[in-house]
Protein backbone atom coordinates (compact mmCIF):
# COMPACT_ATOMS: atom_id res chain seq x y z
CA MET A 1 -1.82 19.75 -8.95
CA MET A 2 1.66 20.16 -10.48
CA LYS A 3 2.28 23.70 -9.19
CA ASP A 4 2.62 22.97 -5.66
CA LEU A 5 4.94 23.14 -2.62
CA PHE A 6 7.16 20.18 -3.92
CA SER A 7 8.37 21.71 -7.13
CA ILE A 8 11.26 20.14 -8.93
CA LYS A 9 13.73 22.92 -8.37
CA SER A 10 13.10 23.53 -4.69
CA PHE A 11 12.37 20.14 -3.07
CA SER A 12 15.37 18.12 -2.01
CA LEU A 13 15.91 15.27 -4.37
CA VAL A 14 16.57 12.73 -1.54
CA LEU A 15 13.24 13.24 -0.09
CA PHE A 16 11.73 11.66 -3.02
CA LEU A 17 13.18 8.22 -1.54
CA LEU A 18 10.84 8.76 1.64
CA PRO A 19 8.34 6.13 0.48
CA ILE A 20 11.04 3.55 0.43
CA ILE A 21 12.15 4.39 3.96
CA GLY A 22 8.54 4.34 5.12
CA ILE A 23 7.86 0.90 3.51
CA PHE A 24 11.14 -0.26 5.46
CA LEU A 25 9.78 1.15 8.64
CA PHE A 26 6.25 -0.44 8.05
CA LEU A 27 7.85 -3.78 7.66
CA LEU A 28 10.03 -3.27 10.58
CA LEU A 29 7.06 -2.32 12.76
CA TYR A 30 4.89 -5.13 11.63
CA VAL A 31 7.45 -7.59 12.44
CA LEU A 32 7.48 -6.30 16.06
CA ALA A 33 3.70 -6.32 16.04
CA ALA A 34 3.70 -9.96 15.04
CA HIS A 35 6.21 -10.72 17.57
CA ASN A 36 4.06 -9.24 20.31
CA TYR A 37 0.65 -10.53 19.12
CA PRO A 38 -0.89 -12.61 22.08
CA GLY A 39 -2.42 -15.29 19.84
CA GLY A 40 -5.56 -16.68 18.21
CA SER A 41 -6.78 -16.66 14.61
CA TRP A 42 -10.21 -17.31 12.98
CA MET A 43 -8.98 -20.88 11.99
CA VAL A 44 -7.29 -21.60 15.34
CA PRO A 45 -8.81 -19.32 18.06
CA ASP A 46 -6.52 -20.82 20.86
CA GLN A 47 -3.29 -20.60 18.93
CA VAL A 48 -0.20 -19.04 20.71
CA GLY A 49 1.19 -15.87 18.97
CA PHE A 50 0.96 -14.87 15.30
CA SER A 51 0.65 -17.42 12.64
CA PHE A 52 1.95 -16.67 9.16
CA LEU A 53 -0.33 -19.30 7.84
CA ASN A 54 -3.62 -18.51 9.84
CA ASN A 55 -3.61 -14.92 10.91
CA TYR A 56 -4.44 -11.85 8.74
CA LEU A 57 -2.25 -8.77 8.87
CA CYS A 58 -5.44 -6.82 10.07
CA ASP A 59 -5.57 -9.11 13.10
CA LEU A 60 -2.63 -7.07 14.50
CA LEU A 61 -4.62 -3.91 14.47
CA ASP A 62 -7.56 -4.84 16.70
CA ARG A 63 -7.76 -3.82 20.36
CA TYR A 64 -8.32 -7.49 21.33
CA ALA A 65 -6.50 -10.55 19.99
CA ILE A 66 -8.76 -13.26 18.71
CA ASN A 67 -8.06 -15.35 21.80
CA GLY A 68 -9.71 -12.53 23.80
CA GLU A 69 -6.48 -11.01 25.25
CA LEU A 70 -5.57 -7.41 25.27
CA ASN A 71 -3.63 -6.87 22.11
CA THR A 72 -0.38 -5.30 22.86
CA ALA A 73 0.72 -5.59 19.33
CA ARG A 74 -1.65 -2.93 18.10
CA TYR A 75 0.57 -0.04 18.78
CA PHE A 76 3.11 -1.25 16.50
CA ALA A 77 0.68 -2.32 13.99
CA ARG A 78 -1.31 0.96 13.84
CA GLY A 79 1.99 2.98 13.91
CA SER A 80 3.27 0.94 10.79
CA LEU A 81 -0.09 1.34 8.98
CA GLY A 82 0.03 5.13 9.61
CA ILE A 83 3.63 5.35 8.30
CA LEU A 84 2.73 3.22 5.30
CA CYS A 85 -0.27 5.28 4.28
CA ILE A 86 1.61 8.62 4.70
CA SER A 87 4.65 7.27 2.79
CA LEU A 88 2.50 5.85 -0.04
CA GLY A 89 0.31 8.93 0.02
CA PHE A 90 3.48 11.12 -0.67
CA LEU A 91 4.38 8.86 -3.48
CA TRP A 92 1.09 9.04 -5.11
CA TYR A 93 1.18 12.81 -4.54
CA CYS A 94 4.31 13.16 -6.49
CA LEU A 95 3.67 10.41 -9.04
CA PRO A 96 2.37 12.66 -11.81
CA ARG A 97 5.78 13.90 -12.30
CA LEU A 98 6.62 10.55 -13.67
CA PHE A 99 4.63 11.20 -16.64
CA PHE A 100 4.31 13.94 -19.35
CA GLY A 101 1.76 16.71 -19.55
CA GLN A 102 -1.60 17.18 -18.03
CA SER A 103 -4.55 14.86 -18.58
CA LEU A 104 -7.92 13.97 -16.97
CA ASN A 105 -6.61 10.44 -16.55
CA LYS A 106 -3.56 11.71 -14.43
CA THR A 107 -5.90 13.78 -12.29
CA ILE A 108 -8.23 10.75 -11.55
CA MET A 109 -5.04 8.63 -10.85
CA TRP A 110 -3.80 11.22 -8.38
CA ALA A 111 -7.02 11.71 -6.47
CA ALA A 112 -7.98 8.07 -6.44
CA GLY A 113 -4.75 6.89 -5.05
CA ILE A 114 -4.73 9.48 -2.28
CA PHE A 115 -8.42 8.85 -1.43
CA ALA A 116 -7.53 5.09 -1.16
CA LEU A 117 -4.70 5.62 1.20
CA VAL A 118 -6.71 8.04 3.35
CA ILE A 119 -9.47 5.56 3.72
CA THR A 120 -7.18 2.68 4.41
CA PHE A 121 -5.70 4.81 7.43
CA PHE A 122 -9.17 4.19 9.13
CA LEU A 123 -8.94 0.27 9.19
CA THR A 124 -8.53 0.66 13.04
CA SER A 125 -11.95 2.31 13.33
CA GLY A 126 -13.78 -0.98 13.67
CA THR A 127 -15.52 -0.91 10.31
CA HIS A 128 -12.99 -3.11 8.51
CA ASP A 129 -15.10 -4.70 5.91
CA VAL A 130 -16.51 -1.23 4.84
CA ILE A 131 -13.10 0.25 4.74
CA VAL A 132 -11.64 -2.53 2.66
CA ARG A 133 -14.37 -2.31 -0.05
CA ILE A 134 -14.26 1.50 -0.25
CA ALA A 135 -10.50 1.72 -0.35
CA GLY A 136 -10.38 -1.33 -2.75
CA ILE A 137 -12.68 0.59 -5.31
CA PHE A 138 -10.41 3.77 -5.21
CA GLY A 139 -7.31 1.60 -5.31
CA VAL A 140 -8.29 -0.27 -8.29
CA ILE A 141 -9.09 3.02 -9.93
CA ALA A 142 -5.85 4.32 -9.08
CA PHE A 143 -3.93 1.36 -10.34
CA VAL A 144 -5.96 1.15 -13.79
CA THR A 145 -5.22 4.81 -14.43
CA ALA A 146 -1.53 4.56 -13.33
CA SER A 147 -1.16 1.56 -15.70
CA VAL A 148 -2.44 3.59 -18.52
CA GLU A 149 0.17 6.22 -17.90
CA LEU A 150 2.93 3.82 -17.45
CA PHE A 151 2.09 2.29 -20.77
CA LYS A 152 1.82 5.61 -22.63
CA THR A 153 5.33 6.65 -21.25
CA ARG A 154 6.79 3.16 -22.09
CA HIS A 155 7.44 1.98 -18.61
CA PHE A 156 6.58 -1.42 -19.82
CA LYS A 157 8.26 -3.37 -16.91
CA LEU A 158 6.29 -1.34 -14.28
CA PHE A 159 3.26 -1.59 -16.36
CA ALA A 160 3.34 -5.40 -16.50
CA ALA A 161 4.29 -5.65 -12.73
CA GLY A 162 1.35 -3.43 -11.89
CA LEU A 163 -1.06 -5.66 -13.85
CA ILE A 164 0.19 -8.62 -12.03
CA CYS A 165 -0.33 -6.86 -8.57
CA LEU A 166 -3.78 -5.90 -9.74
CA PHE A 167 -4.66 -9.44 -10.73
CA ILE A 168 -3.41 -10.83 -7.53
CA PHE A 169 -5.51 -8.07 -5.56
CA LEU A 170 -8.60 -9.09 -7.52
CA VAL A 171 -8.09 -12.76 -6.77
CA ASN A 172 -7.83 -11.69 -2.91
CA TYR A 173 -11.07 -9.75 -3.35
CA TYR A 174 -12.85 -12.62 -5.01
CA ILE A 175 -11.91 -15.03 -2.18
CA TYR A 176 -12.71 -12.52 0.57
CA GLU A 177 -16.22 -11.80 -0.99
CA THR A 178 -17.16 -15.40 -1.92
CA GLY A 179 -15.29 -17.47 0.70
CA THR A 180 -13.99 -19.81 -1.92
CA PHE A 181 -10.60 -21.28 -0.82
CA LEU A 182 -10.85 -19.00 2.18
CA GLN A 183 -8.18 -21.13 4.01
CA THR A 184 -5.57 -19.84 1.56
CA LEU A 185 -6.24 -16.15 1.99
CA PRO A 186 -4.05 -15.43 4.97
CA ILE A 187 -0.94 -16.56 2.99
CA LEU A 188 -2.24 -15.11 -0.35
CA GLN A 189 -2.67 -11.70 1.48
CA LYS A 190 0.91 -11.61 2.61
CA ILE A 191 2.13 -12.55 -0.90
CA THR A 192 0.05 -9.82 -2.32
CA PHE A 193 1.31 -7.36 0.21
CA VAL A 194 4.98 -8.16 -0.81
CA CYS A 195 4.20 -7.81 -4.45
CA PHE A 196 2.65 -4.46 -3.97
CA LEU A 197 5.51 -3.18 -1.80
CA LEU A 198 8.05 -4.27 -4.37
CA TRP A 199 5.99 -2.51 -7.03
CA PHE A 200 5.81 0.63 -4.97
CA VAL A 201 9.58 0.52 -4.33
CA SER A 202 10.16 0.13 -8.10
CA LEU A 203 7.76 2.91 -8.86
CA ASP A 204 9.46 5.29 -6.35
CA LEU A 205 12.92 4.56 -7.90
CA ALA A 206 11.61 5.34 -11.35
CA LEU A 207 10.11 8.68 -9.94
CA TYR A 208 13.50 9.39 -8.43
CA LYS A 209 15.37 8.86 -11.56
CA GLU A 210 13.00 10.92 -13.57
CA ILE A 211 13.21 13.85 -11.18
CA ARG A 212 16.95 13.48 -10.94
CA SER A 213 17.20 13.64 -14.94
CA LYS A 214 14.90 16.69 -14.96
CA ARG A 215 17.27 18.39 -12.42
CA LYS A 216 20.25 17.77 -14.51
CA ALA A 217 18.48 19.19 -17.55
CA MET A 218 17.70 22.42 -15.77
CA ARG A 219 21.37 23.15 -15.03
């Protein structure tokens, strides 16, 4: 896993910031998708356009909007999802370099994170609920194992932030499965997304600093 194409010596340092660029492009394209969404939500089927309060982010991915019109926003939304999955997949692929040595926990973290992102890519396949559940399982495994490594390497702020993200995610999942306070889920989903993206940005910056430090030590 560690002896790969992206070795510390040969791989351009600035490319380790690609996940942050990908997150920025994801947000830009999703704003464009929301702007082009015809309308409708599960709470207000005849609403005009995208509602921050009522629509889920996944509504933008479907071929048809909830109001029955052809969803012209889906091209932006699907493109943004692809960019995000690839960007975060690259981050998770490189993430073991933030930690020391080899361990089974790191291997599980690495594999579970990449599987979760590959599975998430298929949200547009029409099997939304199944994809969410499978990706969620792998995602939780990836987050728990990453949190263990962050704690072991004394990245306590990232560790704490990751636990907060995981807690919010589990609250989302509980509401999603039980229907309790379901009317709050569209807003909570967006708050969760922002928290996760900020955590990923912080994680990528920590990785960048670690790789830069190792580069300097090699000179």
